[in-house]
Amino acid sequence: MMPARINTIHLGVTDLAVMRTFYNTLGWTEAHPENTHFAEYRGGGAWLSLFPHALLSGDAKITDAAPSGYRGLSLGVAVDH
């Protein structure tokens, strides 16, 4: 049986630079600060990943229209093998 635990949270953000500043100001350490496409932070056994909303909605194969249904969040479960 696959363990039921969420270990990745992806947030779609409007302004990646502003959100990076927010989490860095909280004292979170960015895993790959040189990456200009997204930001990743590890905390408490899980990853928080910030993506531009258009990039994350494209990954979900939906349009990047003004939020009405999709709000820029996806959860991931990595399976140990």
PDB file of N, CA and C in Angstrom:
ATOM      1  N   MET A   1       0.842  -1.180   0.000  1.00  0.00           N
ATOM      2  CA  MET A   1       0.000   0.000   0.000  1.00  0.00           C
ATOM      3  C   MET A   1       0.890   1.247   0.000  1.00  0.00           C
ATOM      4  N   MET A   2       0.509   2.234  -0.802  1.00  0.00           N
ATOM      5  CA  MET A   2       1.240   3.488  -0.876  1.00  0.00           C
ATOM      6  C   MET A   2       0.975   4.315   0.381  1.00  0.00           C
ATOM      7  N   PRO A   3       2.033   4.871   1.019  1.00  0.00           N
ATOM      8  CA  PRO A   3       1.811   5.690   2.210  1.00  0.00           C
ATOM      9  C   PRO A   3       1.027   6.952   1.857  1.00  0.00           C
ATOM     10  N   ALA A   4       0.100   7.311   2.717  1.00  0.00           N
ATOM     11  CA  ALA A   4      -0.738   8.496   2.477  1.00  0.00           C
ATOM     12  C   ALA A   4      -0.118   9.698   3.181  1.00  0.00           C
ATOM     13  N   ARG A   5       0.729  10.396   2.460  1.00  0.00           N
ATOM     14  CA  ARG A   5       1.320  11.605   3.017  1.00  0.00           C
ATOM     15  C   ARG A   5       1.584  12.591   1.885  1.00  0.00           C
ATOM     16  N   ILE A   6       1.278  13.808   2.132  1.00  0.00           N
ATOM     17  CA  ILE A   6       1.546  14.860   1.150  1.00  0.00           C
ATOM     18  C   ILE A   6       2.942  15.388   1.429  1.00  0.00           C
ATOM     19  N   ASN A   7       3.772  15.422   0.391  1.00  0.00           N
ATOM     20  CA  ASN A   7       5.119  15.926   0.606  1.00  0.00           C
ATOM     21  C   ASN A   7       5.508  17.053  -0.349  1.00  0.00           C
ATOM     22  N   THR A   8       4.582  17.456  -1.194  1.00  0.00           N
ATOM     23  CA  THR A   8       4.838  18.567  -2.104  1.00  0.00           C
ATOM     24  C   THR A   8       3.580  19.416  -2.233  1.00  0.00           C
ATOM     25  N   ILE A   9       3.734  20.712  -2.047  1.00  0.00           N
ATOM     26  CA  ILE A   9       2.633  21.653  -2.253  1.00  0.00           C
ATOM     27  C   ILE A   9       3.094  22.647  -3.308  1.00  0.00           C
ATOM     28  N   HIS A  10       2.348  22.749  -4.391  1.00  0.00           N
ATOM     29  CA  HIS A  10       2.650  23.701  -5.459  1.00  0.00           C
ATOM     30  C   HIS A  10       1.643  24.830  -5.389  1.00  0.00           C
ATOM     31  N   LEU A  11       2.133  26.055  -5.309  1.00  0.00           N
ATOM     32  CA  LEU A  11       1.260  27.222  -5.303  1.00  0.00           C
ATOM     33  C   LEU A  11       1.495  28.041  -6.557  1.00  0.00           C
ATOM     34  N   GLY A  12       0.418  28.397  -7.244  1.00  0.00           N
ATOM     35  CA  GLY A  12       0.499  29.309  -8.374  1.00  0.00           C
ATOM     36  C   GLY A  12       0.418  30.729  -7.842  1.00  0.00           C
ATOM     37  N   VAL A  13       1.397  31.543  -8.186  1.00  0.00           N
ATOM     38  CA  VAL A  13       1.462  32.907  -7.667  1.00  0.00           C
ATOM     39  C   VAL A  13       1.460  33.916  -8.808  1.00  0.00           C
ATOM     40  N   THR A  14       0.952  35.089  -8.523  1.00  0.00           N
ATOM     41  CA  THR A  14       0.905  36.158  -9.520  1.00  0.00           C
ATOM     42  C   THR A  14       2.269  36.795  -9.712  1.00  0.00           C
ATOM     43  N   ASP A  15       3.005  36.984  -8.620  1.00  0.00           N
ATOM     44  CA  ASP A  15       4.311  37.649  -8.683  1.00  0.00           C
ATOM     45  C   ASP A  15       5.338  36.800  -7.928  1.00  0.00           C
ATOM     46  N   LEU A  16       6.113  36.017  -8.659  1.00  0.00           N
ATOM     47  CA  LEU A  16       7.083  35.104  -8.058  1.00  0.00           C
ATOM     48  C   LEU A  16       8.130  35.858  -7.238  1.00  0.00           C
ATOM     49  N   ALA A  17       8.598  36.990  -7.734  1.00  0.00           N
ATOM     50  CA  ALA A  17       9.632  37.743  -7.013  1.00  0.00           C
ATOM     51  C   ALA A  17       9.118  38.220  -5.651  1.00  0.00           C
ATOM     52  N   VAL A  18       7.903  38.697  -5.601  1.00  0.00           N
ATOM     53  CA  VAL A  18       7.316  39.159  -4.336  1.00  0.00           C
ATOM     54  C   VAL A  18       7.170  37.998  -3.361  1.00  0.00           C
ATOM     55  N   MET A  19       6.717  36.846  -3.844  1.00  0.00           N
ATOM     56  CA  MET A  19       6.536  35.694  -2.964  1.00  0.00           C
ATOM     57  C   MET A  19       7.875  35.136  -2.494  1.00  0.00           C
ATOM     58  N   ARG A  20       8.880  35.180  -3.353  1.00  0.00           N
ATOM     59  CA  ARG A  20      10.226  34.769  -2.925  1.00  0.00           C
ATOM     60  C   ARG A  20      10.693  35.656  -1.776  1.00  0.00           C
ATOM     61  N   THR A  21      10.528  36.940  -1.941  1.00  0.00           N
ATOM     62  CA  THR A  21      10.920  37.887  -0.894  1.00  0.00           C
ATOM     63  C   THR A  21      10.168  37.596   0.400  1.00  0.00           C
ATOM     64  N   PHE A  22       8.871  37.308   0.302  1.00  0.00           N
ATOM     65  CA  PHE A  22       8.054  37.011   1.470  1.00  0.00           C
ATOM     66  C   PHE A  22       8.614  35.807   2.240  1.00  0.00           C
ATOM     67  N   TYR A  23       8.822  34.680   1.562  1.00  0.00           N
ATOM     68  CA  TYR A  23       9.294  33.476   2.238  1.00  0.00           C
ATOM     69  C   TYR A  23      10.739  33.607   2.700  1.00  0.00           C
ATOM     70  N   ASN A  24      11.584  34.298   1.919  1.00  0.00           N
ATOM     71  CA  ASN A  24      12.961  34.526   2.349  1.00  0.00           C
ATOM     72  C   ASN A  24      13.003  35.405   3.593  1.00  0.00           C
ATOM     73  N   THR A  25      12.116  36.389   3.679  1.00  0.00           N
ATOM     74  CA  THR A  25      12.033  37.266   4.849  1.00  0.00           C
ATOM     75  C   THR A  25      11.591  36.488   6.089  1.00  0.00           C
ATOM     76  N   LEU A  26      10.768  35.454   5.890  1.00  0.00           N
ATOM     77  CA  LEU A  26      10.379  34.593   7.009  1.00  0.00           C
ATOM     78  C   LEU A  26      11.544  33.745   7.518  1.00  0.00           C
ATOM     79  N   GLY A  27      12.641  33.725   6.757  1.00  0.00           N
ATOM     80  CA  GLY A  27      13.808  32.948   7.142  1.00  0.00           C
ATOM     81  C   GLY A  27      13.884  31.578   6.499  1.00  0.00           C
ATOM     82  N   TRP A  28      12.964  31.308   5.565  1.00  0.00           N
ATOM     83  CA  TRP A  28      12.998  30.026   4.867  1.00  0.00           C
ATOM     84  C   TRP A  28      14.171  30.042   3.884  1.00  0.00           C
ATOM     85  N   THR A  29      14.829  28.906   3.721  1.00  0.00           N
ATOM     86  CA  THR A  29      15.969  28.798   2.814  1.00  0.00           C
ATOM     87  C   THR A  29      15.509  28.218   1.488  1.00  0.00           C
ATOM     88  N   GLU A  30      15.761  28.973   0.440  1.00  0.00           N
ATOM     89  CA  GLU A  30      15.364  28.529  -0.894  1.00  0.00           C
ATOM     90  C   GLU A  30      16.335  27.462  -1.393  1.00  0.00           C
ATOM     91  N   ALA A  31      15.804  26.364  -1.917  1.00  0.00           N
ATOM     92  CA  ALA A  31      16.635  25.240  -2.354  1.00  0.00           C
ATOM     93  C   ALA A  31      17.506  25.593  -3.561  1.00  0.00           C
ATOM     94  N   HIS A  32      16.959  26.316  -4.528  1.00  0.00           N
ATOM     95  CA  HIS A  32      17.689  26.640  -5.762  1.00  0.00           C
ATOM     96  C   HIS A  32      17.441  28.102  -6.126  1.00  0.00           C
ATOM     97  N   PRO A  33      18.041  29.046  -5.403  1.00  0.00           N
ATOM     98  CA  PRO A  33      17.755  30.463  -5.646  1.00  0.00           C
ATOM     99  C   PRO A  33      18.138  30.958  -7.040  1.00  0.00           C
ATOM    100  N   GLU A  34      19.010  30.212  -7.722  1.00  0.00           N
ATOM    101  CA  GLU A  34      19.407  30.628  -9.079  1.00  0.00           C
ATOM    102  C   GLU A  34      18.327  30.321 -10.118  1.00  0.00           C
ATOM    103  N   ASN A  35      17.347  29.499  -9.760  1.00  0.00           N
ATOM    104  CA  ASN A  35      16.278  29.135 -10.692  1.00  0.00           C
ATOM    105  C   ASN A  35      15.314  30.314 -10.846  1.00  0.00           C
ATOM    106  N   THR A  36      15.112  30.759 -12.066  1.00  0.00           N
ATOM    107  CA  THR A  36      14.229  31.910 -12.309  1.00  0.00           C
ATOM    108  C   THR A  36      12.800  31.498 -12.648  1.00  0.00           C
ATOM    109  N   HIS A  37      12.542  30.203 -12.810  1.00  0.00           N
ATOM    110  CA  HIS A  37      11.219  29.729 -13.224  1.00  0.00           C
ATOM    111  C   HIS A  37      10.300  29.395 -12.061  1.00  0.00           C
ATOM    112  N   PHE A  38      10.857  28.985 -10.936  1.00  0.00           N
ATOM    113  CA  PHE A  38      10.060  28.661  -9.758  1.00  0.00           C
ATOM    114  C   PHE A  38      10.960  28.720  -8.527  1.00  0.00           C
ATOM    115  N   ALA A  39      10.348  28.655  -7.353  1.00  0.00           N
ATOM    116  CA  ALA A  39      11.090  28.662  -6.095  1.00  0.00           C
ATOM    117  C   ALA A  39      10.660  27.459  -5.267  1.00  0.00           C
ATOM    118  N   GLU A  40      11.614  26.847  -4.578  1.00  0.00           N
ATOM    119  CA  GLU A  40      11.314  25.687  -3.728  1.00  0.00           C
ATOM    120  C   GLU A  40      11.885  25.899  -2.335  1.00  0.00           C
ATOM    121  N   TYR A  41      11.078  25.535  -1.347  1.00  0.00           N
ATOM    122  CA  TYR A  41      11.488  25.609   0.049  1.00  0.00           C
ATOM    123  C   TYR A  41      11.149  24.283   0.711  1.00  0.00           C
ATOM    124  N   ARG A  42      12.053  23.792   1.548  1.00  0.00           N
ATOM    125  CA  ARG A  42      11.808  22.538   2.267  1.00  0.00           C
ATOM    126  C   ARG A  42      11.538  22.882   3.723  1.00  0.00           C
ATOM    127  N   GLY A  43      10.493  22.292   4.252  1.00  0.00           N
ATOM    128  CA  GLY A  43      10.193  22.538   5.657  1.00  0.00           C
ATOM    129  C   GLY A  43       9.296  21.466   6.225  1.00  0.00           C
ATOM    130  N   GLY A  44       9.648  20.966   7.383  1.00  0.00           N
ATOM    131  CA  GLY A  44       8.804  19.999   8.061  1.00  0.00           C
ATOM    132  C   GLY A  44       8.575  18.710   7.297  1.00  0.00           C
ATOM    133  N   GLY A  45       9.525  18.302   6.461  1.00  0.00           N
ATOM    134  CA  GLY A  45       9.381  17.062   5.712  1.00  0.00           C
ATOM    135  C   GLY A  45       8.630  17.206   4.398  1.00  0.00           C
ATOM    136  N   ALA A  46       8.224  18.411   4.052  1.00  0.00           N
ATOM    137  CA  ALA A  46       7.503  18.645   2.794  1.00  0.00           C
ATOM    138  C   ALA A  46       8.173  19.786   2.028  1.00  0.00           C
ATOM    139  N   TRP A  47       7.877  19.845   0.762  1.00  0.00           N
ATOM    140  CA  TRP A  47       8.376  20.914  -0.105  1.00  0.00           C
ATOM    141  C   TRP A  47       7.242  21.886  -0.405  1.00  0.00           C
ATOM    142  N   LEU A  48       7.547  23.169  -0.377  1.00  0.00           N
ATOM    143  CA  LEU A  48       6.642  24.206  -0.870  1.00  0.00           C
ATOM    144  C   LEU A  48       7.278  24.745  -2.138  1.00  0.00           C
ATOM    145  N   SER A  49       6.560  24.633  -3.253  1.00  0.00           N
ATOM    146  CA  SER A  49       7.058  25.125  -4.536  1.00  0.00           C
ATOM    147  C   SER A  49       6.150  26.238  -5.016  1.00  0.00           C
ATOM    148  N   LEU A  50       6.754  27.346  -5.422  1.00  0.00           N
ATOM    149  CA  LEU A  50       6.022  28.493  -5.947  1.00  0.00           C
ATOM    150  C   LEU A  50       6.273  28.590  -7.438  1.00  0.00           C
ATOM    151  N   PHE A  51       5.196  28.643  -8.191  1.00  0.00           N
ATOM    152  CA  PHE A  51       5.272  28.743  -9.649  1.00  0.00           C
ATOM    153  C   PHE A  51       4.467  29.942 -10.116  1.00  0.00           C
ATOM    154  N   PRO A  52       4.897  30.613 -11.195  1.00  0.00           N
ATOM    155  CA  PRO A  52       4.006  31.596 -11.792  1.00  0.00           C
ATOM    156  C   PRO A  52       2.681  30.907 -12.137  1.00  0.00           C
ATOM    157  N   HIS A  53       1.595  31.586 -11.876  1.00  0.00           N
ATOM    158  CA  HIS A  53       0.264  30.978 -12.064  1.00  0.00           C
ATOM    159  C   HIS A  53       0.098  30.414 -13.470  1.00  0.00           C
ATOM    160  N   ALA A  54       0.561  31.130 -14.480  1.00  0.00           N
ATOM    161  CA  ALA A  54       0.408  30.664 -15.867  1.00  0.00           C
ATOM    162  C   ALA A  54       1.156  29.353 -16.097  1.00  0.00           C
ATOM    163  N   LEU A  55       2.328  29.201 -15.485  1.00  0.00           N
ATOM    164  CA  LEU A  55       3.106  27.980 -15.652  1.00  0.00           C
ATOM    165  C   LEU A  55       2.420  26.790 -14.974  1.00  0.00           C
ATOM    166  N   LEU A  56       1.901  26.999 -13.776  1.00  0.00           N
ATOM    167  CA  LEU A  56       1.252  25.906 -13.058  1.00  0.00           C
ATOM    168  C   LEU A  56      -0.077  25.526 -13.701  1.00  0.00           C
ATOM    169  N   SER A  57      -0.825  26.499 -14.174  1.00  0.00           N
ATOM    170  CA  SER A  57      -2.097  26.165 -14.826  1.00  0.00           C
ATOM    171  C   SER A  57      -1.841  25.421 -16.137  1.00  0.00           C
ATOM    172  N   GLY A  58      -0.766  25.763 -16.837  1.00  0.00           N
ATOM    173  CA  GLY A  58      -0.407  25.029 -18.049  1.00  0.00           C
ATOM    174  C   GLY A  58      -0.048  23.590 -17.741  1.00  0.00           C
ATOM    175  N   ASP A  59       0.640  23.373 -16.624  1.00  0.00           N
ATOM    176  CA  ASP A  59       0.978  22.013 -16.198  1.00  0.00           C
ATOM    177  C   ASP A  59      -0.292  21.216 -15.893  1.00  0.00           C
ATOM    178  N   ALA A  60      -1.316  21.907 -15.392  1.00  0.00           N
ATOM    179  CA  ALA A  60      -2.599  21.253 -15.099  1.00  0.00           C
ATOM    180  C   ALA A  60      -3.467  21.132 -16.354  1.00  0.00           C
ATOM    181  N   LYS A  61      -2.953  21.629 -17.471  1.00  0.00           N
ATOM    182  CA  LYS A  61      -3.646  21.577 -18.767  1.00  0.00           C
ATOM    183  C   LYS A  61      -4.975  22.331 -18.757  1.00  0.00           C
ATOM    184  N   ILE A  62      -4.966  23.491 -18.094  1.00  0.00           N
ATOM    185  CA  ILE A  62      -6.134  24.374 -18.100  1.00  0.00           C
ATOM    186  C   ILE A  62      -5.658  25.780 -18.451  1.00  0.00           C
ATOM    187  N   THR A  63      -6.579  26.655 -18.794  1.00  0.00           N
ATOM    188  CA  THR A  63      -6.200  28.011 -19.166  1.00  0.00           C
ATOM    189  C   THR A  63      -5.868  28.830 -17.929  1.00  0.00           C
ATOM    190  N   ASP A  64      -5.151  29.898 -18.150  1.00  0.00           N
ATOM    191  CA  ASP A  64      -4.757  30.793 -17.061  1.00  0.00           C
ATOM    192  C   ASP A  64      -5.708  31.978 -16.986  1.00  0.00           C
ATOM    193  N   ALA A  65      -6.999  31.706 -17.027  1.00  0.00           N
ATOM    194  CA  ALA A  65      -8.004  32.766 -16.918  1.00  0.00           C
ATOM    195  C   ALA A  65      -8.037  33.280 -15.484  1.00  0.00           C
ATOM    196  N   ALA A  66      -8.701  34.405 -15.289  1.00  0.00           N
ATOM    197  CA  ALA A  66      -8.859  34.944 -13.932  1.00  0.00           C
ATOM    198  C   ALA A  66      -9.449  33.854 -13.042  1.00  0.00           C
ATOM    199  N   PRO A  67      -8.892  33.694 -11.842  1.00  0.00           N
ATOM    200  CA  PRO A  67      -9.357  32.604 -10.976  1.00  0.00           C
ATOM    201  C   PRO A  67     -10.862  32.626 -10.736  1.00  0.00           C
ATOM    202  N   SER A  68     -11.477  31.526 -11.083  1.00  0.00           N
ATOM    203  CA  SER A  68     -12.892  31.353 -10.769  1.00  0.00           C
ATOM    204  C   SER A  68     -13.110  29.939 -10.252  1.00  0.00           C
ATOM    205  N   GLY A  69     -12.348  29.003 -10.757  1.00  0.00           N
ATOM    206  CA  GLY A  69     -12.435  27.630 -10.298  1.00  0.00           C
ATOM    207  C   GLY A  69     -11.075  27.193  -9.776  1.00  0.00           C
ATOM    208  N   TYR A  70     -10.113  27.120 -10.666  1.00  0.00           N
ATOM    209  CA  TYR A  70      -8.754  26.737 -10.293  1.00  0.00           C
ATOM    210  C   TYR A  70      -8.071  27.901  -9.600  1.00  0.00           C
ATOM    211  N   ARG A  71      -7.508  27.669  -8.419  1.00  0.00           N
ATOM    212  CA  ARG A  71      -6.909  28.748  -7.638  1.00  0.00           C
ATOM    213  C   ARG A  71      -5.403  28.655  -7.501  1.00  0.00           C
ATOM    214  N   GLY A  72      -4.758  27.826  -8.310  1.00  0.00           N
ATOM    215  CA  GLY A  72      -3.300  27.784  -8.289  1.00  0.00           C
ATOM    216  C   GLY A  72      -2.710  26.918  -7.204  1.00  0.00           C
ATOM    217  N   LEU A  73      -3.272  25.760  -6.976  1.00  0.00           N
ATOM    218  CA  LEU A  73      -2.752  24.860  -5.954  1.00  0.00           C
ATOM    219  C   LEU A  73      -2.791  23.425  -6.467  1.00  0.00           C
ATOM    220  N   SER A  74      -1.702  22.709  -6.274  1.00  0.00           N
ATOM    221  CA  SER A  74      -1.710  21.278  -6.531  1.00  0.00           C
ATOM    222  C   SER A  74      -0.889  20.609  -5.444  1.00  0.00           C
ATOM    223  N   LEU A  75      -1.254  19.395  -5.088  1.00  0.00           N
ATOM    224  CA  LEU A  75      -0.557  18.637  -4.047  1.00  0.00           C
ATOM    225  C   LEU A  75       0.060  17.407  -4.681  1.00  0.00           C
ATOM    226  N   GLY A  76       1.243  17.051  -4.258  1.00  0.00           N
ATOM    227  CA  GLY A  76       1.919  15.902  -4.838  1.00  0.00           C
ATOM    228  C   GLY A  76       2.312  14.889  -3.782  1.00  0.00           C
ATOM    229  N   VAL A  77       2.264  13.635  -4.146  1.00  0.00           N
ATOM    230  CA  VAL A  77       2.689  12.552  -3.265  1.00  0.00           C
ATOM    231  C   VAL A  77       3.790  11.785  -3.994  1.00  0.00           C
ATOM    232  N   ALA A  78       4.973  11.771  -3.408  1.00  0.00           N
ATOM    233  CA  ALA A  78       6.066  10.985  -3.969  1.00  0.00           C
ATOM    234  C   ALA A  78       6.041   9.610  -3.341  1.00  0.00           C
ATOM    235  N   VAL A  79       6.164   8.588  -4.182  1.00  0.00           N
ATOM    236  CA  VAL A  79       6.095   7.211  -3.713  1.00  0.00           C
ATOM    237  C   VAL A  79       7.502   6.645  -3.569  1.00  0.00           C
ATOM    238  N   ASP A  80       7.807   6.163  -2.379  1.00  0.00           N
ATOM    239  CA  ASP A  80       9.105   5.513  -2.165  1.00  0.00           C
ATOM    240  C   ASP A  80       9.107   4.168  -2.872  1.00  0.00           C
ATOM    241  N   HIS A  81      10.187   3.867  -3.566  1.00  0.00           N
ATOM    242  CA  HIS A  81      10.276   2.561  -4.232  1.00  0.00           C
ATOM    243  C   HIS A  81      11.619   1.967  -4.057  1.00  0.00           C
TER     244      HIS A  81
END
